[in-house]
Amino acid sequence: MVFLQMIHATMRIDIITVLPDLLVSPLGHSIMQRAQNKGLAKVFVHDLRPFGKGNYRQIDDYGFGGDAGMILMVEPLYNIISSLQRERSYDELIYLTPDGELFDQPMANRLSCLQNIILLCGHYKGIDHRIREHLITKEISIGDYVLSGGELAAAVVTDAVVRLLPGVLSDETSALSDSFQDGLLAPPIYSRPAQFREWKVPEVLLSGNPKLIKAWQEEQAVERTKKLRPRLLDG
């Protein structure tokens, strides 16, 4: 079923990270910048370090059990999350982690219906599991691989969600024609000129017949999905 939002108040996304500078560029340009300038989305990046323990603001420590690698400590994470929750209620508190639920377009659609969400970026070996057990409401992975931290994953999720908000894109139907919105990849797209060297735009797209064009696009979407993402056609 195609997804469409008709009414949506300003969405707020709070991102918790140990490396806030990594998020400056992806959140400050293009569509993300436009959404925030229009007041359709508010994205706040919070540095975990000021919530660290002691004079050195410690936020990580070795894990019990003797495994190598540092772990983000339970107390600083609890404190920063609590400080945000005292200000407002959140629909989801999301942890970005390789072993989370795989992020896809339907999930982006669902998240774009929410009002306030927190994205928690892991780092080093991850976070103290007690935070996951008691505070996290959803865990998301953007793929079956490991990144140095959750910042890039948070940027991906934020971009995919915010672009769906009504009024963000200049053409309201643009997001609805993206790949995966109807369970298929998008058909091939072409622009002027109609011929470049010996490469020609398919004749059907020059026909001016909406019915024929739509049929061709649907056929191409199925064929491309069969070839490139056959798992989408399962069932």
C-alpha atoms as a PDB file:
ATOM      1  CA  MET A   1       0.000   0.000   0.000  1.00  0.00           C
ATOM      2  CA  VAL A   2       1.373   3.404  -0.958  1.00  0.00           C
ATOM      3  CA  PHE A   3       2.082   5.638   2.012  1.00  0.00           C
ATOM      4  CA  LEU A   4       1.054   9.289   2.220  1.00  0.00           C
ATOM      5  CA  GLN A   5       0.949  11.765   5.071  1.00  0.00           C
ATOM      6  CA  MET A   6      -1.560  14.604   4.814  1.00  0.00           C
ATOM      7  CA  ILE A   7      -0.939  16.463   8.074  1.00  0.00           C
ATOM      8  CA  HIS A   8       2.192  16.498  10.179  1.00  0.00           C
ATOM      9  CA  ALA A   9       3.448  18.861  12.855  1.00  0.00           C
ATOM     10  CA  THR A  10       7.148  19.615  13.186  1.00  0.00           C
ATOM     11  CA  MET A  11       9.125  16.420  13.747  1.00  0.00           C
ATOM     12  CA  ARG A  12      11.934  16.462  16.302  1.00  0.00           C
ATOM     13  CA  ILE A  13      14.937  14.136  16.154  1.00  0.00           C
ATOM     14  CA  ASP A  14      17.531  14.136  18.956  1.00  0.00           C
ATOM     15  CA  ILE A  15      20.807  12.378  18.148  1.00  0.00           C
ATOM     16  CA  ILE A  16      23.158  11.275  20.945  1.00  0.00           C
ATOM     17  CA  THR A  17      26.775  10.803  19.905  1.00  0.00           C
ATOM     18  CA  VAL A  18      30.378  10.924  21.085  1.00  0.00           C
ATOM     19  CA  LEU A  19      31.429  12.547  17.778  1.00  0.00           C
ATOM     20  CA  PRO A  20      28.957  15.354  17.009  1.00  0.00           C
ATOM     21  CA  ASP A  21      31.184  16.905  14.335  1.00  0.00           C
ATOM     22  CA  LEU A  22      30.611  13.864  12.108  1.00  0.00           C
ATOM     23  CA  LEU A  23      26.968  14.906  11.719  1.00  0.00           C
ATOM     24  CA  VAL A  24      27.475  18.578  10.873  1.00  0.00           C
ATOM     25  CA  SER A  25      27.732  18.167   7.097  1.00  0.00           C
ATOM     26  CA  PRO A  26      25.040  15.523   6.382  1.00  0.00           C
ATOM     27  CA  LEU A  27      22.484  17.366   8.513  1.00  0.00           C
ATOM     28  CA  GLY A  28      23.318  20.879   7.325  1.00  0.00           C
ATOM     29  CA  HIS A  29      22.876  20.761   3.559  1.00  0.00           C
ATOM     30  CA  SER A  30      20.425  20.056   0.763  1.00  0.00           C
ATOM     31  CA  ILE A  31      17.063  18.518   1.700  1.00  0.00           C
ATOM     32  CA  MET A  32      17.931  18.239   5.386  1.00  0.00           C
ATOM     33  CA  GLN A  33      18.764  21.939   5.562  1.00  0.00           C
ATOM     34  CA  ARG A  34      15.593  22.830   3.649  1.00  0.00           C
ATOM     35  CA  ALA A  35      13.392  20.794   5.992  1.00  0.00           C
ATOM     36  CA  GLN A  36      14.816  22.540   9.037  1.00  0.00           C
ATOM     37  CA  ASN A  37      14.667  26.005   7.481  1.00  0.00           C
ATOM     38  CA  LYS A  38      10.994  25.435   6.697  1.00  0.00           C
ATOM     39  CA  GLY A  39      10.336  24.369  10.274  1.00  0.00           C
ATOM     40  CA  LEU A  40       9.169  20.920   9.156  1.00  0.00           C
ATOM     41  CA  ALA A  41      11.858  19.116  11.144  1.00  0.00           C
ATOM     42  CA  LYS A  42      14.144  19.945  14.032  1.00  0.00           C
ATOM     43  CA  VAL A  43      17.319  17.910  14.444  1.00  0.00           C
ATOM     44  CA  PHE A  44      19.460  18.335  17.554  1.00  0.00           C
ATOM     45  CA  VAL A  45      22.846  16.678  18.045  1.00  0.00           C
ATOM     46  CA  HIS A  46      23.872  16.046  21.662  1.00  0.00           C
ATOM     47  CA  ASP A  47      27.445  15.356  22.738  1.00  0.00           C
ATOM     48  CA  LEU A  48      27.614  12.537  25.293  1.00  0.00           C
ATOM     49  CA  ARG A  49      30.929  13.763  26.735  1.00  0.00           C
ATOM     50  CA  PRO A  50      29.537  16.456  29.130  1.00  0.00           C
ATOM     51  CA  PHE A  51      27.543  13.702  30.834  1.00  0.00           C
ATOM     52  CA  GLY A  52      30.684  11.668  31.553  1.00  0.00           C
ATOM     53  CA  LYS A  53      31.947  10.789  35.006  1.00  0.00           C
ATOM     54  CA  GLY A  54      34.563  12.682  37.002  1.00  0.00           C
ATOM     55  CA  ASN A  55      36.907  15.488  36.065  1.00  0.00           C
ATOM     56  CA  TYR A  56      37.837  13.765  32.802  1.00  0.00           C
ATOM     57  CA  ARG A  57      34.200  13.210  31.770  1.00  0.00           C
ATOM     58  CA  GLN A  58      34.736   9.493  31.290  1.00  0.00           C
ATOM     59  CA  ILE A  59      32.139   7.884  29.021  1.00  0.00           C
ATOM     60  CA  ASP A  60      33.712   4.508  28.222  1.00  0.00           C
ATOM     61  CA  ASP A  61      35.365   1.640  30.075  1.00  0.00           C
ATOM     62  CA  TYR A  62      36.529  -1.931  29.595  1.00  0.00           C
ATOM     63  CA  GLY A  63      33.832  -4.571  29.636  1.00  0.00           C
ATOM     64  CA  PHE A  64      33.356  -7.363  32.140  1.00  0.00           C
ATOM     65  CA  GLY A  65      34.380 -10.768  30.818  1.00  0.00           C
ATOM     66  CA  GLY A  66      37.789  -9.838  29.462  1.00  0.00           C
ATOM     67  CA  ASP A  67      36.870  -9.112  25.829  1.00  0.00           C
ATOM     68  CA  ALA A  68      38.901  -6.488  23.983  1.00  0.00           C
ATOM     69  CA  GLY A  69      37.476  -3.059  23.262  1.00  0.00           C
ATOM     70  CA  MET A  70      35.808  -0.230  25.114  1.00  0.00           C
ATOM     71  CA  ILE A  71      32.106   0.070  25.937  1.00  0.00           C
ATOM     72  CA  LEU A  72      30.012   3.203  26.403  1.00  0.00           C
ATOM     73  CA  MET A  73      29.128   3.264  30.095  1.00  0.00           C
ATOM     74  CA  VAL A  74      25.629   2.923  31.494  1.00  0.00           C
ATOM     75  CA  GLU A  75      25.611   6.037  33.724  1.00  0.00           C
ATOM     76  CA  PRO A  76      26.453   8.755  31.161  1.00  0.00           C
ATOM     77  CA  LEU A  77      23.972   7.235  28.713  1.00  0.00           C
ATOM     78  CA  TYR A  78      21.259   7.056  31.343  1.00  0.00           C
ATOM     79  CA  ASN A  79      21.880  10.657  32.390  1.00  0.00           C
ATOM     80  CA  ILE A  80      21.704  12.164  28.911  1.00  0.00           C
ATOM     81  CA  ILE A  81      18.605  10.170  27.968  1.00  0.00           C
ATOM     82  CA  SER A  82      16.908  11.135  31.240  1.00  0.00           C
ATOM     83  CA  SER A  83      17.712  14.802  30.660  1.00  0.00           C
ATOM     84  CA  LEU A  84      15.972  14.666  27.271  1.00  0.00           C
ATOM     85  CA  GLN A  85      12.986  12.725  28.580  1.00  0.00           C
ATOM     86  CA  ARG A  86      12.433  15.276  31.324  1.00  0.00           C
ATOM     87  CA  GLU A  87      11.800  17.873  28.605  1.00  0.00           C
ATOM     88  CA  ARG A  88       9.332  15.854  26.486  1.00  0.00           C
ATOM     89  CA  SER A  89       7.999  12.393  25.779  1.00  0.00           C
ATOM     90  CA  TYR A  90       9.445  10.359  22.913  1.00  0.00           C
ATOM     91  CA  ASP A  91       7.679   7.966  20.579  1.00  0.00           C
ATOM     92  CA  GLU A  92      10.807   5.873  20.056  1.00  0.00           C
ATOM     93  CA  LEU A  93      14.272   5.653  21.574  1.00  0.00           C
ATOM     94  CA  ILE A  94      16.303   4.041  18.811  1.00  0.00           C
ATOM     95  CA  TYR A  95      19.741   2.469  19.076  1.00  0.00           C
ATOM     96  CA  LEU A  96      21.760   2.201  15.848  1.00  0.00           C
ATOM     97  CA  THR A  97      23.486  -1.186  15.943  1.00  0.00           C
ATOM     98  CA  PRO A  98      24.604  -3.842  13.404  1.00  0.00           C
ATOM     99  CA  ASP A  99      22.408  -6.471  15.111  1.00  0.00           C
ATOM    100  CA  GLY A 100      19.231  -4.370  14.956  1.00  0.00           C
ATOM    101  CA  GLU A 101      16.234  -4.726  12.650  1.00  0.00           C
ATOM    102  CA  LEU A 102      17.197  -4.024   9.050  1.00  0.00           C
ATOM    103  CA  PHE A 103      16.177  -0.509   8.011  1.00  0.00           C
ATOM    104  CA  ASP A 104      13.981  -0.332   4.923  1.00  0.00           C
ATOM    105  CA  GLN A 105      11.481   1.975   3.231  1.00  0.00           C
ATOM    106  CA  PRO A 106       8.395   0.744   5.126  1.00  0.00           C
ATOM    107  CA  MET A 107      10.209   1.416   8.405  1.00  0.00           C
ATOM    108  CA  ALA A 108      11.176   4.901   7.218  1.00  0.00           C
ATOM    109  CA  ASN A 109       7.517   5.502   6.353  1.00  0.00           C
ATOM    110  CA  ARG A 110       6.395   4.454   9.829  1.00  0.00           C
ATOM    111  CA  LEU A 111       9.017   6.540  11.612  1.00  0.00           C
ATOM    112  CA  SER A 112       8.056   9.621   9.602  1.00  0.00           C
ATOM    113  CA  CYS A 113       4.613   9.481  11.244  1.00  0.00           C
ATOM    114  CA  LEU A 114       6.137   9.993  14.694  1.00  0.00           C
ATOM    115  CA  GLN A 115       6.597  13.295  16.500  1.00  0.00           C
ATOM    116  CA  ASN A 116       9.714  12.914  18.668  1.00  0.00           C
ATOM    117  CA  ILE A 117      12.459  10.302  18.415  1.00  0.00           C
ATOM    118  CA  ILE A 118      15.913   9.796  19.896  1.00  0.00           C
ATOM    119  CA  LEU A 119      18.699   8.176  17.871  1.00  0.00           C
ATOM    120  CA  LEU A 120      21.507   6.774  20.003  1.00  0.00           C
ATOM    121  CA  CYS A 121      24.814   6.233  18.190  1.00  0.00           C
ATOM    122  CA  GLY A 122      26.974   3.415  19.435  1.00  0.00           C
ATOM    123  CA  HIS A 123      30.759   3.640  19.435  1.00  0.00           C
ATOM    124  CA  TYR A 124      33.738   1.388  20.165  1.00  0.00           C
ATOM    125  CA  LYS A 125      32.316  -2.083  20.967  1.00  0.00           C
ATOM    126  CA  GLY A 126      28.846  -0.687  21.657  1.00  0.00           C
ATOM    127  CA  ILE A 127      26.851   0.344  24.722  1.00  0.00           C
ATOM    128  CA  ASP A 128      26.236  -1.197  28.113  1.00  0.00           C
ATOM    129  CA  HIS A 129      23.481  -3.757  27.533  1.00  0.00           C
ATOM    130  CA  ARG A 130      21.403  -2.470  30.450  1.00  0.00           C
ATOM    131  CA  ILE A 131      20.537   0.599  28.373  1.00  0.00           C
ATOM    132  CA  ARG A 132      19.276  -1.702  25.629  1.00  0.00           C
ATOM    133  CA  GLU A 133      17.285  -3.785  28.096  1.00  0.00           C
ATOM    134  CA  HIS A 134      15.612  -0.970  29.993  1.00  0.00           C
ATOM    135  CA  LEU A 135      15.504   2.189  27.858  1.00  0.00           C
ATOM    136  CA  ILE A 136      15.793   1.400  24.154  1.00  0.00           C
ATOM    137  CA  THR A 137      12.463   0.843  22.391  1.00  0.00           C
ATOM    138  CA  LYS A 138      13.777  -0.025  18.914  1.00  0.00           C
ATOM    139  CA  GLU A 139      17.085  -1.163  17.428  1.00  0.00           C
ATOM    140  CA  ILE A 140      17.976  -0.455  13.805  1.00  0.00           C
ATOM    141  CA  SER A 141      20.742  -1.627  11.469  1.00  0.00           C
ATOM    142  CA  ILE A 142      21.355  -0.083   8.057  1.00  0.00           C
ATOM    143  CA  GLY A 143      23.107  -3.231   6.809  1.00  0.00           C
ATOM    144  CA  ASP A 144      24.959  -6.395   7.697  1.00  0.00           C
ATOM    145  CA  TYR A 145      28.337  -4.766   8.242  1.00  0.00           C
ATOM    146  CA  VAL A 146      30.106  -2.889  11.024  1.00  0.00           C
ATOM    147  CA  LEU A 147      30.848   0.854  11.043  1.00  0.00           C
ATOM    148  CA  SER A 148      33.180   2.674  13.412  1.00  0.00           C
ATOM    149  CA  GLY A 149      30.166   4.262  15.078  1.00  0.00           C
ATOM    150  CA  GLY A 150      26.467   4.894  14.671  1.00  0.00           C
ATOM    151  CA  GLU A 151      26.785   8.454  13.364  1.00  0.00           C
ATOM    152  CA  LEU A 152      26.640   7.599   9.668  1.00  0.00           C
ATOM    153  CA  ALA A 153      23.746   5.234  10.315  1.00  0.00           C
ATOM    154  CA  ALA A 154      21.915   7.994  12.209  1.00  0.00           C
ATOM    155  CA  ALA A 155      22.453  10.353   9.279  1.00  0.00           C
ATOM    156  CA  VAL A 156      21.043   7.748   6.878  1.00  0.00           C
ATOM    157  CA  VAL A 157      17.945   7.137   9.002  1.00  0.00           C
ATOM    158  CA  THR A 158      17.368  10.864   9.561  1.00  0.00           C
ATOM    159  CA  ASP A 159      17.638  11.680   5.868  1.00  0.00           C
ATOM    160  CA  ALA A 160      15.373   8.808   4.793  1.00  0.00           C
ATOM    161  CA  VAL A 161      12.709   9.808   7.332  1.00  0.00           C
ATOM    162  CA  VAL A 162      12.786  13.605   7.037  1.00  0.00           C
ATOM    163  CA  ARG A 163      12.514  13.630   3.231  1.00  0.00           C
ATOM    164  CA  LEU A 164       9.112  11.928   3.607  1.00  0.00           C
ATOM    165  CA  LEU A 165       7.598  14.762   5.633  1.00  0.00           C
ATOM    166  CA  PRO A 166       4.970  16.719   3.687  1.00  0.00           C
ATOM    167  CA  GLY A 167       6.389  19.912   2.246  1.00  0.00           C
ATOM    168  CA  VAL A 168      10.052  18.865   2.397  1.00  0.00           C
ATOM    169  CA  LEU A 169      10.345  17.867  -1.255  1.00  0.00           C
ATOM    170  CA  SER A 170       9.291  20.365  -3.909  1.00  0.00           C
ATOM    171  CA  ASP A 171       7.133  17.739  -5.650  1.00  0.00           C
ATOM    172  CA  GLU A 172       4.772  16.092  -3.142  1.00  0.00           C
ATOM    173  CA  THR A 173       4.587  12.929  -5.267  1.00  0.00           C
ATOM    174  CA  SER A 174       8.350  12.587  -5.616  1.00  0.00           C
ATOM    175  CA  ALA A 175       8.926  10.496  -2.487  1.00  0.00           C
ATOM    176  CA  LEU A 176       5.995   8.261  -3.380  1.00  0.00           C
ATOM    177  CA  SER A 177       7.621   7.266  -6.678  1.00  0.00           C
ATOM    178  CA  ASP A 178      10.944   6.329  -5.069  1.00  0.00           C
ATOM    179  CA  SER A 179      12.304   2.815  -5.198  1.00  0.00           C
ATOM    180  CA  PHE A 180      10.775   0.460  -2.595  1.00  0.00           C
ATOM    181  CA  GLN A 181       7.629   2.535  -1.951  1.00  0.00           C
ATOM    182  CA  ASP A 182       5.513  -0.055  -3.773  1.00  0.00           C
ATOM    183  CA  GLY A 183       7.823  -2.975  -3.060  1.00  0.00           C
ATOM    184  CA  LEU A 184       9.644  -2.561  -6.373  1.00  0.00           C
ATOM    185  CA  LEU A 185      12.684  -0.742  -7.670  1.00  0.00           C
ATOM    186  CA  ALA A 186      12.010   2.425  -9.641  1.00  0.00           C
ATOM    187  CA  PRO A 187      11.963   2.187 -13.451  1.00  0.00           C
ATOM    188  CA  PRO A 188      14.737   3.770 -15.559  1.00  0.00           C
ATOM    189  CA  ILE A 189      14.601   7.562 -15.853  1.00  0.00           C
ATOM    190  CA  TYR A 190      15.728   9.808 -18.721  1.00  0.00           C
ATOM    191  CA  SER A 191      16.097  13.527 -19.430  1.00  0.00           C
ATOM    192  CA  ARG A 192      16.867  15.749 -22.424  1.00  0.00           C
ATOM    193  CA  PRO A 193      18.187  15.390 -25.049  1.00  0.00           C
ATOM    194  CA  ALA A 194      16.135  12.516 -26.497  1.00  0.00           C
ATOM    195  CA  GLN A 195      19.276  11.307 -28.261  1.00  0.00           C
ATOM    196  CA  PHE A 196      22.878  11.635 -27.151  1.00  0.00           C
ATOM    197  CA  ARG A 197      25.398  10.105 -29.548  1.00  0.00           C
ATOM    198  CA  GLU A 198      23.743   6.799 -30.475  1.00  0.00           C
ATOM    199  CA  TRP A 199      21.970   6.488 -27.107  1.00  0.00           C
ATOM    200  CA  LYS A 200      18.229   7.055 -27.436  1.00  0.00           C
ATOM    201  CA  VAL A 201      15.438   7.527 -24.921  1.00  0.00           C
ATOM    202  CA  PRO A 202      12.838   4.725 -25.261  1.00  0.00           C
ATOM    203  CA  GLU A 203      10.198   5.748 -27.803  1.00  0.00           C
ATOM    204  CA  VAL A 204       7.316   5.092 -25.416  1.00  0.00           C
ATOM    205  CA  LEU A 205       8.481   7.935 -23.155  1.00  0.00           C
ATOM    206  CA  LEU A 206       8.265  10.326 -26.109  1.00  0.00           C
ATOM    207  CA  SER A 207       4.795   9.162 -27.107  1.00  0.00           C
ATOM    208  CA  GLY A 208       2.858  11.531 -24.851  1.00  0.00           C
ATOM    209  CA  ASN A 209       0.497   8.641 -23.994  1.00  0.00           C
ATOM    210  CA  PRO A 210       0.217   8.464 -20.154  1.00  0.00           C
ATOM    211  CA  LYS A 211      -1.368   5.003 -20.225  1.00  0.00           C
ATOM    212  CA  LEU A 212       1.393   3.476 -22.349  1.00  0.00           C
ATOM    213  CA  ILE A 213       4.090   5.243 -20.328  1.00  0.00           C
ATOM    214  CA  LYS A 214       2.628   3.986 -17.033  1.00  0.00           C
ATOM    215  CA  ALA A 215       2.439   0.406 -18.346  1.00  0.00           C
ATOM    216  CA  TRP A 216       6.054   0.577 -19.556  1.00  0.00           C
ATOM    217  CA  GLN A 217       7.233   1.966 -16.208  1.00  0.00           C
ATOM    218  CA  GLU A 218       5.448  -0.781 -14.274  1.00  0.00           C
ATOM    219  CA  GLU A 219       6.919  -3.465 -16.535  1.00  0.00           C
ATOM    220  CA  GLN A 220      10.405  -2.028 -16.177  1.00  0.00           C
ATOM    221  CA  ALA A 221      10.060  -1.768 -12.394  1.00  0.00           C
ATOM    222  CA  VAL A 222       9.188  -5.459 -12.179  1.00  0.00           C
ATOM    223  CA  GLU A 223      12.012  -6.470 -14.522  1.00  0.00           C
ATOM    224  CA  ARG A 224      14.620  -4.415 -12.673  1.00  0.00           C
ATOM    225  CA  THR A 225      13.458  -5.777  -9.333  1.00  0.00           C
ATOM    226  CA  LYS A 226      13.614  -9.349 -10.674  1.00  0.00           C
ATOM    227  CA  LYS A 227      17.163  -8.776 -11.830  1.00  0.00           C
ATOM    228  CA  LEU A 228      18.593  -6.655  -8.999  1.00  0.00           C
ATOM    229  CA  ARG A 229      16.468  -7.369  -5.878  1.00  0.00           C
ATOM    230  CA  PRO A 230      14.602 -10.647  -6.440  1.00  0.00           C
ATOM    231  CA  ARG A 231      14.011 -11.067  -2.699  1.00  0.00           C
ATOM    232  CA  LEU A 232      11.525  -8.173  -2.883  1.00  0.00           C
ATOM    233  CA  LEU A 233       9.290 -10.352  -5.046  1.00  0.00           C
ATOM    234  CA  ASP A 234       9.218 -13.280  -2.619  1.00  0.00           C
ATOM    235  CA  GLY A 235       5.625 -14.191  -1.908  1.00  0.00           C
END
